[in-house]
Amino acid sequence: MEVAVSHPRVSIQPTTTISLFMLSKRVKQNVLKTVARHEGDTGSAEAQIGLLTRQIEELSNHLRKHKKDFHSRRGLLQMVADRRKHLKYLEQKDEKAYASLIQKLGLKR
């Protein structure tokens, strides 16, 4: 969001802001290359788990630096819970894919 404020004593120039917690297009593509079932796959459990794992890593690094950012911490907990649900689903549906994904992502299970 770009905002320009005109005030006699305050001069704020418009800047381009990048969301701190959103993954860039290139990062998403790299994650999807390693975990997707097929080319163009973004909706499978494996793809969702891979993207959530990467977002969790980014947010965890942010929270190590900003210990009092409780709003972001809540978002992290929601992402972890969502990933856990996807992992549970995948484990029930396809144990081989589950084991392979855990190994690729280096998750503890």
C-alpha atoms as a PDB file:
ATOM      1  CA  MET A   1       0.000   0.000   0.000  1.00  0.00           C
ATOM      2  CA  GLU A   2       1.416   3.350  -0.940  1.00  0.00           C
ATOM      3  CA  VAL A   3       0.417   6.461   0.954  1.00  0.00           C
ATOM      4  CA  ALA A   4       1.543  10.024   0.406  1.00  0.00           C
ATOM      5  CA  VAL A   5       0.836  12.508   3.185  1.00  0.00           C
ATOM      6  CA  SER A   6       1.045  16.225   2.587  1.00  0.00           C
ATOM      7  CA  HIS A   7       1.507  18.239   5.722  1.00  0.00           C
ATOM      8  CA  PRO A   8       3.573  21.408   6.150  1.00  0.00           C
ATOM      9  CA  ARG A   9       5.935  19.837   8.678  1.00  0.00           C
ATOM     10  CA  VAL A  10       5.785  16.165   7.696  1.00  0.00           C
ATOM     11  CA  SER A  11       7.071  14.790   4.441  1.00  0.00           C
ATOM     12  CA  ILE A  12       6.453  11.090   3.923  1.00  0.00           C
ATOM     13  CA  GLN A  13       7.322   9.726   0.525  1.00  0.00           C
ATOM     14  CA  PRO A  14       5.411   6.792  -0.980  1.00  0.00           C
ATOM     15  CA  THR A  15       7.294   3.561  -0.606  1.00  0.00           C
ATOM     16  CA  THR A  16       6.789   0.073  -1.838  1.00  0.00           C
ATOM     17  CA  THR A  17       6.079  -2.237   1.036  1.00  0.00           C
ATOM     18  CA  ILE A  18       6.612  -5.960   0.929  1.00  0.00           C
ATOM     19  CA  SER A  19       4.658  -8.062   3.334  1.00  0.00           C
ATOM     20  CA  LEU A  20       7.034  -9.573   5.837  1.00  0.00           C
ATOM     21  CA  PHE A  21       5.266 -12.901   6.060  1.00  0.00           C
ATOM     22  CA  MET A  22       4.260 -13.585   2.491  1.00  0.00           C
ATOM     23  CA  LEU A  23       6.502 -15.806   0.448  1.00  0.00           C
ATOM     24  CA  SER A  24       7.813 -14.414  -2.805  1.00  0.00           C
ATOM     25  CA  LYS A  25       6.757 -16.019  -6.062  1.00  0.00           C
ATOM     26  CA  ARG A  26      10.224 -17.497  -6.575  1.00  0.00           C
ATOM     27  CA  VAL A  27      10.317 -19.044  -3.087  1.00  0.00           C
ATOM     28  CA  LYS A  28       6.874 -20.588  -3.614  1.00  0.00           C
ATOM     29  CA  GLN A  29       7.961 -22.046  -6.946  1.00  0.00           C
ATOM     30  CA  ASN A  30      11.072 -23.576  -5.378  1.00  0.00           C
ATOM     31  CA  VAL A  31       9.036 -25.143  -2.581  1.00  0.00           C
ATOM     32  CA  LEU A  32       6.460 -26.482  -5.009  1.00  0.00           C
ATOM     33  CA  LYS A  33       9.175 -27.990  -7.243  1.00  0.00           C
ATOM     34  CA  THR A  34      10.324 -30.177  -4.380  1.00  0.00           C
ATOM     35  CA  VAL A  35       6.979 -31.307  -2.954  1.00  0.00           C
ATOM     36  CA  ALA A  36       4.271 -31.018  -5.643  1.00  0.00           C
ATOM     37  CA  ARG A  37       2.686 -34.169  -7.076  1.00  0.00           C
ATOM     38  CA  HIS A  38       2.714 -32.801 -10.630  1.00  0.00           C
ATOM     39  CA  GLU A  39       3.567 -29.602 -12.475  1.00  0.00           C
ATOM     40  CA  GLY A  40       1.174 -26.796 -11.583  1.00  0.00           C
ATOM     41  CA  ASP A  41       0.097 -28.508  -8.363  1.00  0.00           C
ATOM     42  CA  THR A  42      -0.744 -26.009  -5.631  1.00  0.00           C
ATOM     43  CA  GLY A  43      -3.723 -27.601  -3.916  1.00  0.00           C
ATOM     44  CA  SER A  44      -2.568 -31.066  -2.879  1.00  0.00           C
ATOM     45  CA  ALA A  45      -1.859 -31.773   0.764  1.00  0.00           C
ATOM     46  CA  GLU A  46       1.853 -32.110  -0.022  1.00  0.00           C
ATOM     47  CA  ALA A  47       1.996 -28.685  -1.678  1.00  0.00           C
ATOM     48  CA  GLN A  48       0.050 -27.034   1.133  1.00  0.00           C
ATOM     49  CA  ILE A  49       2.264 -28.624   3.789  1.00  0.00           C
ATOM     50  CA  GLY A  50       5.409 -27.510   1.941  1.00  0.00           C
ATOM     51  CA  LEU A  51       4.228 -23.911   1.665  1.00  0.00           C
ATOM     52  CA  LEU A  52       3.060 -23.815   5.283  1.00  0.00           C
ATOM     53  CA  THR A  53       6.398 -25.226   6.439  1.00  0.00           C
ATOM     54  CA  ARG A  54       8.293 -22.496   4.615  1.00  0.00           C
ATOM     55  CA  GLN A  55       5.992 -19.776   6.021  1.00  0.00           C
ATOM     56  CA  ILE A  56       6.407 -21.207   9.513  1.00  0.00           C
ATOM     57  CA  GLU A  57      10.194 -21.071   9.150  1.00  0.00           C
ATOM     58  CA  GLU A  58      10.068 -17.427   8.018  1.00  0.00           C
ATOM     59  CA  LEU A  59       7.729 -16.413  10.830  1.00  0.00           C
ATOM     60  CA  SER A  60       9.764 -18.319  13.434  1.00  0.00           C
ATOM     61  CA  ASN A  61      12.871 -16.387  12.403  1.00  0.00           C
ATOM     62  CA  HIS A  62      10.927 -13.125  12.724  1.00  0.00           C
ATOM     63  CA  LEU A  63       9.688 -14.054  16.196  1.00  0.00           C
ATOM     64  CA  ARG A  64      13.197 -14.915  17.402  1.00  0.00           C
ATOM     65  CA  LYS A  65      14.100 -11.295  16.718  1.00  0.00           C
ATOM     66  CA  HIS A  66      10.799  -9.705  17.824  1.00  0.00           C
ATOM     67  CA  LYS A  67       9.895 -11.588  20.978  1.00  0.00           C
ATOM     68  CA  LYS A  68       6.919  -9.397  21.886  1.00  0.00           C
ATOM     69  CA  ASP A  69       5.100  -9.660  18.562  1.00  0.00           C
ATOM     70  CA  PHE A  70       2.149 -11.577  19.970  1.00  0.00           C
ATOM     71  CA  HIS A  71      -0.166 -10.981  17.011  1.00  0.00           C
ATOM     72  CA  SER A  72       2.258 -12.709  14.661  1.00  0.00           C
ATOM     73  CA  ARG A  73       2.781 -15.466  17.220  1.00  0.00           C
ATOM     74  CA  ARG A  74      -0.961 -16.200  17.064  1.00  0.00           C
ATOM     75  CA  GLY A  75      -0.733 -16.447  13.282  1.00  0.00           C
ATOM     76  CA  LEU A  76       2.193 -18.846  13.648  1.00  0.00           C
ATOM     77  CA  LEU A  77       0.184 -21.087  15.959  1.00  0.00           C
ATOM     78  CA  GLN A  78      -2.683 -21.119  13.467  1.00  0.00           C
ATOM     79  CA  MET A  79      -0.301 -22.113  10.655  1.00  0.00           C
ATOM     80  CA  VAL A  80       1.196 -24.900  12.765  1.00  0.00           C
ATOM     81  CA  ALA A  81      -2.294 -26.219  13.556  1.00  0.00           C
ATOM     82  CA  ASP A  82      -3.262 -26.069   9.875  1.00  0.00           C
ATOM     83  CA  ARG A  83      -0.107 -27.937   8.858  1.00  0.00           C
ATOM     84  CA  ARG A  84      -0.780 -30.550  11.529  1.00  0.00           C
ATOM     85  CA  LYS A  85      -4.280 -31.123  10.103  1.00  0.00           C
ATOM     86  CA  HIS A  86      -2.907 -31.496   6.579  1.00  0.00           C
ATOM     87  CA  LEU A  87      -0.245 -33.928   7.830  1.00  0.00           C
ATOM     88  CA  LYS A  88      -2.847 -35.998   9.661  1.00  0.00           C
ATOM     89  CA  TYR A  89      -4.992 -36.139   6.509  1.00  0.00           C
ATOM     90  CA  LEU A  90      -2.035 -37.183   4.354  1.00  0.00           C
ATOM     91  CA  GLU A  91      -0.963 -39.848   6.848  1.00  0.00           C
ATOM     92  CA  GLN A  92      -4.442 -41.393   6.750  1.00  0.00           C
ATOM     93  CA  LYS A  93      -4.758 -41.265   2.951  1.00  0.00           C
ATOM     94  CA  ASP A  94      -1.242 -42.138   1.750  1.00  0.00           C
ATOM     95  CA  GLU A  95       1.368 -43.324   4.241  1.00  0.00           C
ATOM     96  CA  LYS A  96       4.168 -43.565   1.655  1.00  0.00           C
ATOM     97  CA  ALA A  97       3.649 -39.987   0.483  1.00  0.00           C
ATOM     98  CA  TYR A  98       3.486 -38.891   4.126  1.00  0.00           C
ATOM     99  CA  ALA A  99       6.806 -40.580   5.004  1.00  0.00           C
ATOM    100  CA  SER A 100       8.455 -39.187   1.871  1.00  0.00           C
ATOM    101  CA  LEU A 101       7.243 -35.650   2.595  1.00  0.00           C
ATOM    102  CA  ILE A 102       8.382 -35.760   6.226  1.00  0.00           C
ATOM    103  CA  GLN A 103      11.838 -36.782   5.054  1.00  0.00           C
ATOM    104  CA  LYS A 104      11.993 -34.103   2.302  1.00  0.00           C
ATOM    105  CA  LEU A 105      10.960 -31.300   4.649  1.00  0.00           C
ATOM    106  CA  GLY A 106      12.965 -32.543   7.618  1.00  0.00           C
ATOM    107  CA  LEU A 107       9.995 -32.529   9.976  1.00  0.00           C
ATOM    108  CA  LYS A 108       9.964 -34.420  13.257  1.00  0.00           C
ATOM    109  CA  ARG A 109       7.275 -37.067  13.411  1.00  0.00           C
END
